Amino acid sequence: DMTIGSGSGSGAGSGVTPPPPSQGEMDEAIHIIHDNADRAFLWDYERNRTQLVTLYNKAMGSQWNSVTDLDWATDVDPERLVAEQDSPMLAVARVAGGLPGSPLATWSDREYTRLGIEFFTASLSQFMHGEQGAMMTAAKIVETVPWIDAKYYASTQTMDEARHTEVFAKYLSTKLGEAYPMSPFLKEQIWSLLEDSRWDIAYLGMQIVIESLALAAFGDMLRRTQEPLLKKLLRYVMSDEARHVAFGVLTLSEFYADLSQAELKERQEFMVDATLNSRSRATTPEVWERMGTTEAAVVPFIVQAAAESKVNPARGFQRGFFAKLVPNTRKLGLLDANGGYLRERWGAAGLLEFEFADDTGSDYEAYDAVAADRMASAAD
């Protein structure tokens, strides 16, 4: 039961010290994860990875302040926010409501508007939980990676992810309402990275897979929203995330060049499991429960409605995800190792159309909305 976001910031500035939580409250709010990786303390302080030095300098110069750079006084009307978006999932739900026997058959515009708000809240909740997972994974990389330039950069990413967790939690608690629990699929992904004994798997799973997912999800939401506070928040978060993916590409492309074919096969199998399985993940079931029904009752009608209307609600997001993931993975050398093991499997899934899209190791500066805003402000 994760209720992060409800009551966020209570007592801040009030001068009242809250009572200590009970053991039961702590058990509900805290999950202990056991990490099996060794920590690496380095004696070599030589800065000899010039691309990582450049990325680190870029990260220092592009830090932004979650308090002063975002206008939290902005009034957010959740109903208007949903109405302004062109949500494929909400459109499919409306079609589902017209099917014989649908549990949504009696719904009016009021219920569909509320459903849109719940979908939106659920998405931001997963962003929030995912960012905390990214913060913890970046901190793990600081401790485990055996290169000083990588430790320095991962330290800046840890700060970035803390800021991202904070802003999504604040947006949820002050603009939308109670957050949703962490998706079991996201939880499984992140827990496995935090528990793995191999430092590079934290990189591969977070910097390459989950951060590519994040760029796609944030970009999809950014294209759909007109709400000014959220637009700026997403632009700034994406500025950071693109650097994080580039960090993974630069580090792992060097490290994987020296691995054996057997070791690379383990990484390829990790990518097959992490990517192809992610294509069939369900929505947050609690959305339907808050709406007075269940996922089991609704999903058959959603599937039928999507087929009849020839709409794939996740298509734009999926294309955005694989358009980043596939070229980044190619740059790591994982597509063609072991006789093209990963190429064959991704090819069968129709993913190789993205192979020669721009990789994030070279195009991350195009995402830097923070620098763009500062240049525009200086010009004014």
Protein backbone atom coordinates (compact mmCIF):
# COMPACT_ATOMS: atom_id res chain seq x y z
CA ASP A 1 0.00 0.00 0.00
CA MET A 2 1.95 3.00 -1.23
CA THR A 3 0.26 6.31 -0.57
CA ILE A 4 3.08 8.65 -1.45
CA GLY A 5 1.65 11.98 -2.50
CA SER A 6 -1.35 12.00 -0.19
CA GLY A 7 -0.59 14.55 2.50
CA SER A 8 2.75 15.34 0.88
CA GLY A 9 4.51 18.16 2.66
CA SER A 10 2.16 18.16 5.68
CA GLY A 11 3.54 20.05 8.61
CA ALA A 12 6.12 21.88 6.48
CA GLY A 13 6.64 25.34 7.88
CA SER A 14 3.99 24.85 10.58
CA GLY A 15 6.45 24.51 13.44
CA VAL A 16 4.67 21.36 14.59
CA THR A 17 6.69 18.17 14.82
CA PRO A 18 4.58 15.22 13.68
CA PRO A 19 4.44 12.19 15.98
CA PRO A 20 6.75 9.29 15.08
CA PRO A 21 5.10 6.71 12.82
CA SER A 22 3.99 3.38 14.20
CA GLN A 23 5.67 0.15 13.11
CA GLY A 24 2.62 -0.68 11.00
CA GLU A 25 2.77 2.69 9.26
CA MET A 26 6.48 2.23 8.55
CA ASP A 27 5.89 -1.26 7.16
CA GLU A 28 3.27 0.19 4.78
CA ALA A 29 5.40 3.15 3.71
CA ILE A 30 8.87 1.56 3.46
CA HIS A 31 10.09 -1.40 1.43
CA ILE A 32 13.55 -2.79 2.13
CA ILE A 33 15.57 -3.96 -0.90
CA HIS A 34 18.77 -6.01 -0.53
CA ASP A 35 21.50 -5.13 -3.02
CA ASN A 36 24.00 -7.85 -3.96
CA ALA A 37 26.53 -5.64 -5.76
CA ASP A 38 30.03 -4.80 -4.50
CA ARG A 39 30.93 -1.16 -3.82
CA ALA A 40 33.99 0.22 -5.59
CA PHE A 41 36.22 2.84 -3.94
CA LEU A 42 38.72 4.19 -6.47
CA TRP A 43 42.26 5.45 -6.10
CA ASP A 44 42.51 6.55 -9.74
CA TYR A 45 41.20 10.13 -10.01
CA GLU A 46 42.47 10.71 -13.57
CA ARG A 47 39.82 12.32 -15.82
CA ASN A 48 40.48 10.37 -19.00
CA ARG A 49 37.01 9.75 -20.48
CA THR A 50 36.49 12.99 -22.34
CA GLN A 51 32.90 12.35 -23.46
CA LEU A 52 31.83 11.66 -19.88
CA VAL A 53 33.68 14.79 -18.72
CA THR A 54 31.75 16.80 -21.32
CA LEU A 55 28.46 15.23 -20.22
CA TYR A 56 29.24 15.90 -16.55
CA ASN A 57 30.01 19.56 -17.29
CA LYS A 58 26.77 19.79 -19.25
CA ALA A 59 24.85 18.30 -16.33
CA MET A 60 26.31 20.80 -13.87
CA GLY A 61 25.42 23.72 -16.13
CA SER A 62 21.87 22.50 -16.77
CA GLN A 63 20.71 22.01 -13.20
CA TRP A 64 17.36 23.65 -12.50
CA ASN A 65 15.51 24.59 -9.32
CA SER A 66 12.20 22.86 -8.69
CA VAL A 67 11.02 25.73 -6.49
CA THR A 68 12.02 28.82 -8.45
CA ASP A 69 12.00 27.59 -12.06
CA LEU A 70 8.42 26.27 -11.96
CA ASP A 71 5.39 28.44 -11.19
CA TRP A 72 3.56 26.39 -8.59
CA ALA A 73 0.97 29.16 -8.18
CA THR A 74 -0.45 28.10 -11.58
CA ASP A 75 -4.11 27.10 -11.21
CA VAL A 76 -4.74 23.62 -12.62
CA ASP A 77 -8.27 22.50 -13.48
CA PRO A 78 -8.11 18.69 -13.86
CA GLU A 79 -11.32 18.59 -15.94
CA ARG A 80 -10.00 21.17 -18.37
CA LEU A 81 -6.62 19.43 -18.47
CA VAL A 82 -8.33 16.20 -19.58
CA ALA A 83 -10.69 17.95 -22.01
CA GLU A 84 -7.76 19.61 -23.82
CA GLN A 85 -5.97 16.30 -24.36
CA ASP A 86 -6.59 13.98 -27.26
CA SER A 87 -6.46 10.77 -25.22
CA PRO A 88 -6.69 7.60 -27.35
CA MET A 89 -7.41 5.50 -24.26
CA LEU A 90 -10.34 7.69 -23.27
CA ALA A 91 -11.67 7.59 -26.84
CA VAL A 92 -11.53 3.78 -26.80
CA ALA A 93 -13.29 3.71 -23.42
CA ARG A 94 -16.17 5.75 -24.90
CA VAL A 95 -16.48 3.23 -27.73
CA ALA A 96 -16.41 0.40 -25.17
CA GLY A 97 -19.29 2.06 -23.33
CA GLY A 98 -21.50 1.60 -26.39
CA LEU A 99 -20.95 -2.15 -26.72
CA PRO A 100 -23.71 -4.55 -25.61
CA GLY A 101 -23.28 -5.62 -21.99
CA SER A 102 -20.55 -3.07 -21.25
CA PRO A 103 -20.18 -2.07 -17.58
CA LEU A 104 -19.70 1.49 -18.89
CA ALA A 105 -23.07 1.53 -20.70
CA THR A 106 -24.75 3.90 -18.23
CA TRP A 107 -21.87 6.34 -18.05
CA SER A 108 -22.34 10.01 -18.93
CA ASP A 109 -19.74 12.62 -19.89
CA ARG A 110 -19.21 13.20 -16.19
CA GLU A 111 -17.94 9.65 -15.63
CA TYR A 112 -15.73 9.73 -18.72
CA THR A 113 -14.20 13.02 -17.59
CA ARG A 114 -13.48 11.52 -14.19
CA LEU A 115 -12.00 8.44 -15.90
CA GLY A 116 -9.69 10.72 -17.88
CA ILE A 117 -8.54 12.37 -14.65
CA GLU A 118 -7.90 8.96 -13.08
CA PHE A 119 -5.92 7.77 -16.12
CA PHE A 120 -3.85 10.94 -15.94
CA THR A 121 -3.28 10.62 -12.19
CA ALA A 122 -2.26 6.99 -12.63
CA SER A 123 0.31 7.93 -15.28
CA LEU A 124 1.87 10.66 -13.15
CA SER A 125 1.91 8.27 -10.18
CA GLN A 126 4.01 5.77 -12.15
CA PHE A 127 6.30 8.62 -13.23
CA MET A 128 6.77 9.52 -9.56
CA HIS A 129 7.49 5.95 -8.43
CA GLY A 130 9.76 5.37 -11.42
CA GLU A 131 11.77 8.50 -10.66
CA GLN A 132 12.40 7.33 -7.10
CA GLY A 133 13.57 4.02 -8.54
CA ALA A 134 15.84 5.92 -10.92
CA MET A 135 17.23 7.96 -8.01
CA MET A 136 18.10 4.79 -6.11
CA THR A 137 19.56 3.12 -9.20
CA ALA A 138 21.73 6.15 -9.97
CA ALA A 139 22.96 6.10 -6.36
CA LYS A 140 23.81 2.41 -6.82
CA ILE A 141 25.81 3.29 -9.94
CA VAL A 142 27.76 5.91 -7.96
CA GLU A 143 28.79 3.18 -5.54
CA THR A 144 29.46 0.34 -7.98
CA VAL A 145 30.84 1.70 -11.27
CA PRO A 146 34.66 1.37 -11.42
CA TRP A 147 35.40 4.65 -13.29
CA ILE A 148 35.70 8.02 -11.56
CA ASP A 149 34.17 9.98 -14.46
CA ALA A 150 31.14 7.71 -14.35
CA LYS A 151 30.83 8.12 -10.57
CA TYR A 152 30.89 11.89 -10.97
CA TYR A 153 28.20 11.86 -13.62
CA ALA A 154 25.98 9.37 -11.77
CA SER A 155 26.10 11.74 -8.79
CA THR A 156 24.53 14.47 -10.92
CA GLN A 157 21.90 12.03 -12.13
CA THR A 158 21.01 11.12 -8.54
CA MET A 159 20.29 14.81 -7.92
CA ASP A 160 18.27 15.02 -11.13
CA GLU A 161 16.12 12.04 -10.17
CA ALA A 162 15.52 13.41 -6.69
CA ARG A 163 14.24 16.62 -8.26
CA HIS A 164 12.02 14.66 -10.66
CA THR A 165 10.53 12.57 -7.85
CA GLU A 166 9.86 15.76 -5.90
CA VAL A 167 8.11 17.63 -8.73
CA PHE A 168 5.86 14.74 -9.74
CA ALA A 169 4.91 14.13 -6.11
CA LYS A 170 4.19 17.84 -5.64
CA TYR A 171 2.12 18.08 -8.82
CA LEU A 172 0.08 15.08 -7.77
CA SER A 173 -0.54 16.22 -4.20
CA THR A 174 -1.25 19.89 -4.98
CA LYS A 175 -2.97 19.70 -8.38
CA LEU A 176 -4.58 16.27 -8.84
CA GLY A 177 -5.08 14.31 -5.63
CA GLU A 178 -4.19 10.92 -4.20
CA ALA A 179 -1.46 8.99 -5.99
CA TYR A 180 -1.84 5.43 -7.22
CA PRO A 181 0.30 2.50 -5.99
CA MET A 182 3.34 1.47 -7.95
CA SER A 183 2.61 -0.79 -10.90
CA PRO A 184 3.75 -4.35 -10.13
CA PHE A 185 5.45 -4.46 -13.55
CA LEU A 186 7.46 -1.29 -12.88
CA LYS A 187 8.21 -2.50 -9.36
CA GLU A 188 9.54 -5.82 -10.66
CA GLN A 189 11.76 -4.05 -13.19
CA ILE A 190 13.30 -1.64 -10.71
CA TRP A 191 13.66 -4.12 -7.85
CA SER A 192 15.60 -6.49 -10.14
CA LEU A 193 18.05 -3.70 -11.05
CA LEU A 194 18.60 -2.72 -7.43
CA GLU A 195 19.19 -6.33 -6.37
CA ASP A 196 21.47 -7.44 -9.23
CA SER A 197 25.13 -8.06 -8.45
CA ARG A 198 26.35 -6.75 -11.84
CA TRP A 199 26.87 -2.99 -11.94
CA ASP A 200 26.29 -2.75 -15.69
CA ILE A 201 22.81 -4.29 -15.42
CA ALA A 202 21.73 -1.26 -13.38
CA TYR A 203 22.92 0.85 -16.32
CA LEU A 204 21.34 -1.34 -18.98
CA GLY A 205 17.98 -1.61 -17.27
CA MET A 206 17.70 2.00 -16.13
CA GLN A 207 19.73 4.18 -18.52
CA ILE A 208 18.87 2.26 -21.68
CA VAL A 209 15.46 0.64 -21.10
CA ILE A 210 13.56 2.56 -18.42
CA GLU A 211 14.93 5.99 -19.32
CA SER A 212 13.98 5.36 -22.96
CA LEU A 213 10.51 4.43 -21.71
CA ALA A 214 10.44 7.66 -19.72
CA LEU A 215 11.47 9.82 -22.70
CA ALA A 216 8.70 8.25 -24.78
CA ALA A 217 6.05 8.58 -22.06
CA PHE A 218 6.99 12.16 -21.17
CA GLY A 219 7.14 13.13 -24.84
CA ASP A 220 3.72 11.60 -25.51
CA MET A 221 2.21 13.48 -22.57
CA LEU A 222 3.96 16.72 -23.53
CA ARG A 223 2.47 16.59 -27.03
CA ARG A 224 -1.03 16.17 -25.60
CA THR A 225 -1.11 18.63 -22.72
CA GLN A 226 -1.79 22.37 -22.87
CA GLU A 227 -1.39 22.97 -19.11
CA PRO A 228 1.57 25.39 -18.76
CA LEU A 229 3.02 24.18 -15.45
CA LEU A 230 3.04 20.54 -16.56
CA LYS A 231 4.44 21.45 -20.00
CA LYS A 232 7.43 23.21 -18.49
CA LEU A 233 7.90 20.49 -15.88
CA LEU A 234 7.98 17.81 -18.58
CA ARG A 235 10.32 19.80 -20.84
CA TYR A 236 12.81 20.21 -18.02
CA VAL A 237 12.58 16.59 -16.87
CA MET A 238 13.16 15.41 -20.46
CA SER A 239 16.24 17.64 -20.67
CA ASP A 240 17.75 15.64 -17.82
CA GLU A 241 16.53 12.23 -18.97
CA ALA A 242 18.13 12.55 -22.40
CA ARG A 243 21.50 13.10 -20.72
CA HIS A 244 20.93 10.02 -18.57
CA VAL A 245 20.35 7.83 -21.62
CA ALA A 246 23.47 9.30 -23.25
CA PHE A 247 25.39 8.43 -20.06
CA GLY A 248 24.35 4.80 -20.42
CA VAL A 249 25.24 4.67 -24.11
CA LEU A 250 28.70 6.18 -23.58
CA THR A 251 29.60 3.97 -20.59
CA LEU A 252 28.22 0.65 -21.77
CA SER A 253 29.52 0.92 -25.34
CA GLU A 254 33.04 1.02 -23.85
CA PHE A 255 32.45 -1.70 -21.27
CA TYR A 256 30.68 -4.13 -23.62
CA ALA A 257 33.51 -3.95 -26.16
CA ASP A 258 35.57 -6.09 -23.76
CA LEU A 259 32.95 -8.65 -22.69
CA SER A 260 32.91 -12.24 -23.92
CA GLN A 261 30.16 -13.53 -26.20
CA ALA A 262 28.73 -15.50 -23.26
CA GLU A 263 28.56 -12.35 -21.14
CA LEU A 264 26.99 -10.39 -23.98
CA LYS A 265 24.39 -13.17 -24.42
CA GLU A 266 23.24 -12.57 -20.84
CA ARG A 267 22.75 -8.88 -21.66
CA GLN A 268 20.91 -9.70 -24.88
CA GLU A 269 18.55 -12.04 -23.04
CA PHE A 270 17.96 -9.29 -20.48
CA MET A 271 16.94 -6.95 -23.30
CA VAL A 272 14.56 -9.50 -24.85
CA ASP A 273 12.83 -10.00 -21.53
CA ALA A 274 12.74 -6.31 -20.59
CA THR A 275 11.46 -5.04 -23.94
CA LEU A 276 9.24 -7.61 -25.59
CA ASN A 277 7.47 -8.41 -22.34
CA SER A 278 6.87 -4.70 -21.68
CA ARG A 279 4.65 -4.45 -24.75
CA SER A 280 1.77 -6.32 -23.06
CA ARG A 281 1.59 -4.55 -19.73
CA ALA A 282 -1.82 -3.75 -18.26
CA THR A 283 -3.10 -0.42 -17.05
CA THR A 284 -3.31 0.32 -13.33
CA PRO A 285 -6.26 -1.82 -12.15
CA GLU A 286 -7.04 0.59 -9.33
CA VAL A 287 -8.29 3.11 -11.92
CA TRP A 288 -11.32 0.94 -12.61
CA GLU A 289 -11.87 0.24 -8.94
CA ARG A 290 -12.02 3.96 -8.21
CA MET A 291 -14.62 4.19 -10.96
CA GLY A 292 -16.82 1.56 -9.33
CA THR A 293 -15.99 -1.41 -11.55
CA THR A 294 -13.08 -3.80 -12.08
CA GLU A 295 -10.36 -4.28 -14.65
CA ALA A 296 -11.55 -7.85 -15.31
CA ALA A 297 -15.04 -6.57 -16.14
CA VAL A 298 -13.90 -3.73 -18.40
CA VAL A 299 -10.84 -4.94 -20.31
CA PRO A 300 -12.65 -7.36 -22.68
CA PHE A 301 -14.78 -4.45 -23.87
CA ILE A 302 -11.72 -2.17 -24.17
CA VAL A 303 -9.98 -4.80 -26.31
CA GLN A 304 -13.07 -5.20 -28.50
CA ALA A 305 -13.50 -1.43 -28.84
CA ALA A 306 -9.86 -0.94 -29.81
CA ALA A 307 -10.15 -3.65 -32.47
CA GLU A 308 -13.40 -2.31 -33.90
CA SER A 309 -12.19 1.30 -33.99
CA LYS A 310 -8.73 0.23 -35.23
CA VAL A 311 -7.08 2.29 -32.48
CA ASN A 312 -4.03 1.18 -30.50
CA PRO A 313 -4.00 3.52 -27.46
CA ALA A 314 -0.32 2.80 -26.81
CA ARG A 315 0.94 3.00 -30.40
CA GLY A 316 2.44 6.49 -30.22
CA PHE A 317 4.18 5.73 -26.95
CA GLN A 318 5.50 2.37 -28.15
CA ARG A 319 6.95 3.87 -31.33
CA GLY A 320 8.61 6.64 -29.33
CA PHE A 321 10.10 4.07 -26.95
CA PHE A 322 11.56 1.76 -29.60
CA ALA A 323 12.71 4.69 -31.77
CA LYS A 324 15.13 5.51 -28.93
CA LEU A 325 15.83 2.04 -27.56
CA VAL A 326 16.79 0.24 -30.77
CA PRO A 327 19.47 2.68 -32.05
CA ASN A 328 20.88 3.05 -28.53
CA THR A 329 21.15 -0.74 -28.24
CA ARG A 330 22.78 -0.97 -31.67
CA LYS A 331 25.43 1.48 -30.48
CA LEU A 332 26.18 -0.84 -27.54
CA GLY A 333 26.95 -3.68 -29.94
CA LEU A 334 24.17 -5.86 -28.55
CA LEU A 335 22.14 -6.19 -31.75
CA ASP A 336 24.72 -8.27 -33.63
CA ALA A 337 26.64 -10.11 -30.90
CA ASN A 338 26.23 -13.91 -30.84
CA GLY A 339 25.32 -14.15 -34.50
CA GLY A 340 22.66 -11.47 -34.30
CA TYR A 341 20.69 -13.08 -31.45
CA LEU A 342 18.94 -9.84 -30.46
CA ARG A 343 18.60 -8.63 -34.06
CA GLU A 344 16.71 -11.83 -34.94
CA ARG A 345 14.26 -11.49 -32.05
CA TRP A 346 13.65 -7.78 -32.43
CA GLY A 347 13.35 -8.25 -36.18
CA ALA A 348 10.60 -10.83 -35.67
CA ALA A 349 8.80 -8.29 -33.50
CA GLY A 350 9.07 -5.62 -36.22
CA LEU A 351 11.39 -3.33 -34.28
CA LEU A 352 14.31 -3.00 -36.68
CA GLU A 353 12.64 -0.17 -38.60
CA PHE A 354 14.05 2.06 -35.83
CA GLU A 355 17.64 0.80 -36.06
CA PHE A 356 19.07 3.90 -37.71
CA ALA A 357 17.04 6.55 -35.90
CA ASP A 358 19.08 9.12 -33.95
CA ASP A 359 20.68 7.58 -30.87
CA THR A 360 20.52 9.53 -27.63
CA GLY A 361 24.27 9.40 -27.19
CA SER A 362 24.53 12.02 -29.93
CA ASP A 363 21.20 13.92 -29.90
CA TYR A 364 20.74 14.62 -26.17
CA GLU A 365 21.50 18.32 -26.57
CA ALA A 366 18.38 18.70 -28.71
CA TYR A 367 16.32 18.03 -25.58
CA ASP A 368 17.95 20.76 -23.48
CA ALA A 369 14.94 22.98 -22.80
CA VAL A 370 16.69 24.44 -19.74
CA ALA A 371 19.52 25.90 -21.84
CA ALA A 372 17.04 27.06 -24.50
CA ASP A 373 14.94 28.93 -21.94
CA ARG A 374 18.01 30.55 -20.38
CA MET A 375 19.26 31.70 -23.77
CA ALA A 376 15.84 33.13 -24.61
CA SER A 377 15.70 34.92 -21.26
CA ALA A 378 19.18 36.37 -21.76
CA ALA A 379 18.20 37.60 -25.23
CA ASP A 380 15.20 39.43 -23.76
